[in-house]
Amino acid sequence: MGLFDKFQKKEEQKDNVPPADSTKLDLKISDVEACKIDYTKSVEELIAFYDEQKIKIAQGEKEYLNGEFMQLGYGIDFIGFVQQVFHVTLDFEEGVVPAFESVLDALSQAFQQKKLNEEMFNDVLKKAAGFVSVVVWKNIGGGFISSNIGYGVNIKGTNAFVYNRIGRRLQGDTASDMVSLYETLRKL
């Protein structure tokens, strides 16, 4: 059974199940981790920083061994992926959000047409979530959160599970676009 068959089956199952009692949801969210990375740096400087810290982590230093650092790595990987596949240059500035949404739309169509497999879906999902997290931290601020339903950003006490939102967007939910999410987060 392929990725899209699984999603279709889940959607069909949801239609046959009575609404869940929201009081039974066992949502576990980590404490907010304040960002330690200096996002005033350029993409090139952030890549150099990431590479330097990866070496230090391999040598046993744990200062940046956290979710935020992982998201930076995924975000850097996403920039490289988009450049290679779409020949589009992204950075972490907020002006890139509409281009990011266009890339997600193209990827969503490819996944829906079964041109890409489940492994690729999961890889793109985590990298795209890392990318948008860094864009948010660089331009809006906030911290890192993780939970049993995904990970995301926290801005002024509000949690935004960008991983889940991007997952829905890649599955074809156009209402889960990144432009409206980013604008909402900017207003917090």
Protein backbone atom coordinates (compact mmCIF):
# COMPACT_ATOMS: atom_id res chain seq x y z
CA MET A 1 0.00 0.00 0.00
CA GLY A 2 1.47 3.36 -1.02
CA LEU A 3 1.58 6.63 0.87
CA PHE A 4 -1.46 8.12 -0.77
CA ASP A 5 -3.44 4.91 -0.40
CA LYS A 6 -2.73 5.05 3.35
CA PHE A 7 -3.90 8.67 3.55
CA GLN A 8 -7.02 7.84 1.56
CA LYS A 9 -7.75 4.89 3.85
CA LYS A 10 -7.29 7.11 6.92
CA GLU A 11 -9.64 9.72 5.44
CA GLU A 12 -12.26 7.02 4.74
CA GLN A 13 -11.86 5.70 8.29
CA LYS A 14 -12.28 9.19 9.73
CA ASP A 15 -15.62 9.49 7.94
CA ASN A 16 -16.88 6.35 9.68
CA VAL A 17 -15.72 7.22 13.19
CA PRO A 18 -17.66 9.43 15.59
CA PRO A 19 -15.91 12.68 16.56
CA ALA A 20 -13.17 12.21 19.13
CA ASP A 21 -13.71 13.52 22.60
CA SER A 22 -11.18 16.36 22.74
CA THR A 23 -10.86 15.93 26.50
CA LYS A 24 -9.17 12.57 25.85
CA LEU A 25 -6.40 14.01 23.69
CA ASP A 26 -3.13 13.40 25.48
CA LEU A 27 -1.10 16.22 23.97
CA LYS A 28 2.40 16.45 25.38
CA ILE A 29 4.37 19.59 24.51
CA SER A 30 7.93 20.23 25.57
CA ASP A 31 9.00 23.37 27.31
CA VAL A 32 9.93 26.10 24.87
CA GLU A 33 13.62 26.04 24.01
CA ALA A 34 14.93 29.57 23.51
CA CYS A 35 16.85 30.01 20.29
CA LYS A 36 20.62 30.06 20.77
CA ILE A 37 21.63 30.56 17.14
CA ASP A 38 22.33 34.03 15.76
CA TYR A 39 19.91 34.30 12.84
CA THR A 40 21.14 37.72 11.80
CA LYS A 41 23.76 35.81 9.79
CA SER A 42 23.49 35.16 6.06
CA VAL A 43 22.68 31.71 4.67
CA GLU A 44 26.37 31.19 3.93
CA GLU A 45 27.35 32.15 7.47
CA LEU A 46 24.66 29.87 8.93
CA ILE A 47 25.91 26.98 6.77
CA ALA A 48 29.47 27.58 8.00
CA PHE A 49 28.22 27.77 11.59
CA TYR A 50 26.24 24.55 11.15
CA ASP A 51 29.21 22.70 9.67
CA GLU A 52 31.48 23.95 12.49
CA GLN A 53 29.03 22.91 15.19
CA LYS A 54 28.49 19.47 13.62
CA ILE A 55 32.22 18.84 14.02
CA LYS A 56 32.14 20.05 17.63
CA ILE A 57 29.14 17.83 18.39
CA ALA A 58 30.98 14.84 16.90
CA GLN A 59 33.85 15.69 19.26
CA GLY A 60 31.53 15.60 22.26
CA GLU A 61 30.47 19.24 22.69
CA LYS A 62 26.76 19.41 23.36
CA GLU A 63 25.99 23.14 23.41
CA TYR A 64 24.02 23.07 20.17
CA LEU A 65 22.80 19.48 20.31
CA ASN A 66 19.11 20.39 20.37
CA GLY A 67 15.95 20.67 18.28
CA GLU A 68 16.75 24.16 17.06
CA PHE A 69 20.09 23.02 15.63
CA MET A 70 18.38 20.05 13.97
CA GLN A 71 15.87 22.42 12.35
CA LEU A 72 18.66 24.62 11.03
CA GLY A 73 20.25 21.57 9.41
CA TYR A 74 16.96 20.54 7.83
CA GLY A 75 16.39 24.10 6.63
CA ILE A 76 19.82 24.23 5.01
CA ASP A 77 19.15 20.86 3.36
CA PHE A 78 15.82 22.18 2.05
CA ILE A 79 17.51 25.17 0.45
CA GLY A 80 19.92 22.82 -1.36
CA PHE A 81 17.11 20.48 -2.40
CA VAL A 82 15.02 23.32 -3.86
CA GLN A 83 18.03 24.72 -5.70
CA GLN A 84 18.85 21.32 -7.17
CA VAL A 85 15.31 20.24 -8.11
CA PHE A 86 13.54 23.52 -8.90
CA HIS A 87 16.51 25.78 -9.69
CA VAL A 88 15.06 28.28 -7.23
CA THR A 89 17.32 30.07 -4.77
CA LEU A 90 15.84 30.41 -1.30
CA ASP A 91 17.21 32.16 1.76
CA PHE A 92 15.82 32.63 5.25
CA GLU A 93 14.36 36.11 4.66
CA GLU A 94 10.62 36.59 5.03
CA GLY A 95 10.25 37.75 1.42
CA VAL A 96 10.85 34.13 0.36
CA VAL A 97 7.62 32.81 1.93
CA PRO A 98 5.52 33.10 -1.30
CA ALA A 99 8.23 31.25 -3.27
CA PHE A 100 8.31 28.62 -0.53
CA GLU A 101 4.54 28.21 -0.86
CA SER A 102 4.93 27.76 -4.65
CA VAL A 103 7.52 25.02 -4.06
CA LEU A 104 5.18 23.30 -1.58
CA ASP A 105 2.37 23.50 -4.14
CA ALA A 106 4.53 21.82 -6.80
CA LEU A 107 5.61 19.15 -4.33
CA SER A 108 2.02 18.61 -3.22
CA GLN A 109 0.95 18.03 -6.81
CA ALA A 110 3.82 15.59 -7.35
CA PHE A 111 2.89 13.63 -4.23
CA GLN A 112 -0.80 13.58 -5.15
CA GLN A 113 0.07 12.30 -8.62
CA LYS A 114 2.20 9.61 -6.93
CA LYS A 115 5.36 10.81 -8.66
CA LEU A 116 7.17 10.76 -5.31
CA ASN A 117 7.13 8.02 -2.69
CA GLU A 118 6.48 7.98 1.06
CA GLU A 119 10.17 8.17 1.94
CA MET A 120 10.54 11.31 -0.16
CA PHE A 121 7.37 12.75 1.41
CA ASN A 122 8.79 12.31 4.93
CA ASP A 123 12.19 13.69 3.91
CA VAL A 124 10.69 16.79 2.29
CA LEU A 125 8.32 17.27 5.23
CA LYS A 126 11.04 17.46 7.87
CA LYS A 127 13.32 19.63 5.72
CA ALA A 128 10.52 22.04 4.80
CA ALA A 129 9.48 22.30 8.46
CA GLY A 130 13.07 23.09 9.40
CA PHE A 131 13.24 25.72 6.68
CA VAL A 132 10.08 27.56 7.72
CA SER A 133 11.08 27.33 11.39
CA VAL A 134 14.34 29.13 10.64
CA VAL A 135 12.52 31.76 8.55
CA VAL A 136 10.23 32.40 11.52
CA TRP A 137 13.07 32.56 14.06
CA LYS A 138 15.15 34.85 11.85
CA ASN A 139 12.38 37.32 11.07
CA ILE A 140 9.85 37.05 13.91
CA GLY A 141 11.70 35.41 16.77
CA GLY A 142 10.43 32.75 19.12
CA GLY A 143 11.59 29.36 20.28
CA PHE A 144 11.53 25.64 19.45
CA ILE A 145 8.85 23.23 20.66
CA SER A 146 8.33 19.53 20.20
CA SER A 147 5.38 17.33 21.03
CA ASN A 148 3.89 13.94 20.44
CA ILE A 149 2.11 15.38 17.37
CA GLY A 150 5.11 17.07 15.75
CA TYR A 151 7.42 19.99 16.26
CA GLY A 152 7.24 23.67 15.58
CA VAL A 153 7.79 27.18 16.81
CA ASN A 154 6.56 29.14 19.79
CA ILE A 155 5.96 32.85 19.43
CA LYS A 156 4.99 34.87 22.48
CA GLY A 157 3.40 31.82 24.09
CA THR A 158 1.59 30.62 20.97
CA ASN A 159 2.59 27.21 19.57
CA ALA A 160 2.55 26.69 15.81
CA PHE A 161 3.10 23.11 14.71
CA VAL A 162 4.68 23.88 11.34
CA TYR A 163 5.56 20.22 10.75
CA ASN A 164 1.90 19.23 10.86
CA ARG A 165 0.79 22.20 8.77
CA ILE A 166 3.32 21.41 6.05
CA GLY A 167 2.26 17.77 6.13
CA ARG A 168 -1.34 18.79 5.46
CA ARG A 169 -0.19 21.18 2.73
CA LEU A 170 1.82 18.46 1.00
CA GLN A 171 -1.26 16.20 1.16
CA GLY A 172 -3.18 18.79 -0.86
CA ASP A 173 -4.84 20.93 1.81
CA THR A 174 -4.53 24.37 0.19
CA ALA A 175 -6.02 25.97 3.32
CA SER A 176 -2.80 24.98 5.12
CA ASP A 177 -0.73 27.42 3.09
CA MET A 178 2.42 28.94 4.51
CA VAL A 179 1.75 32.55 3.52
CA SER A 180 -1.33 32.83 5.75
CA LEU A 181 0.42 30.99 8.60
CA TYR A 182 3.43 33.29 8.38
CA GLU A 183 1.23 36.40 8.33
CA THR A 184 -0.67 35.15 11.37
CA LEU A 185 2.57 34.50 13.25
CA ARG A 186 3.89 37.96 12.33
CA LYS A 187 0.85 39.55 13.97
CA LEU A 188 1.40 37.84 17.33
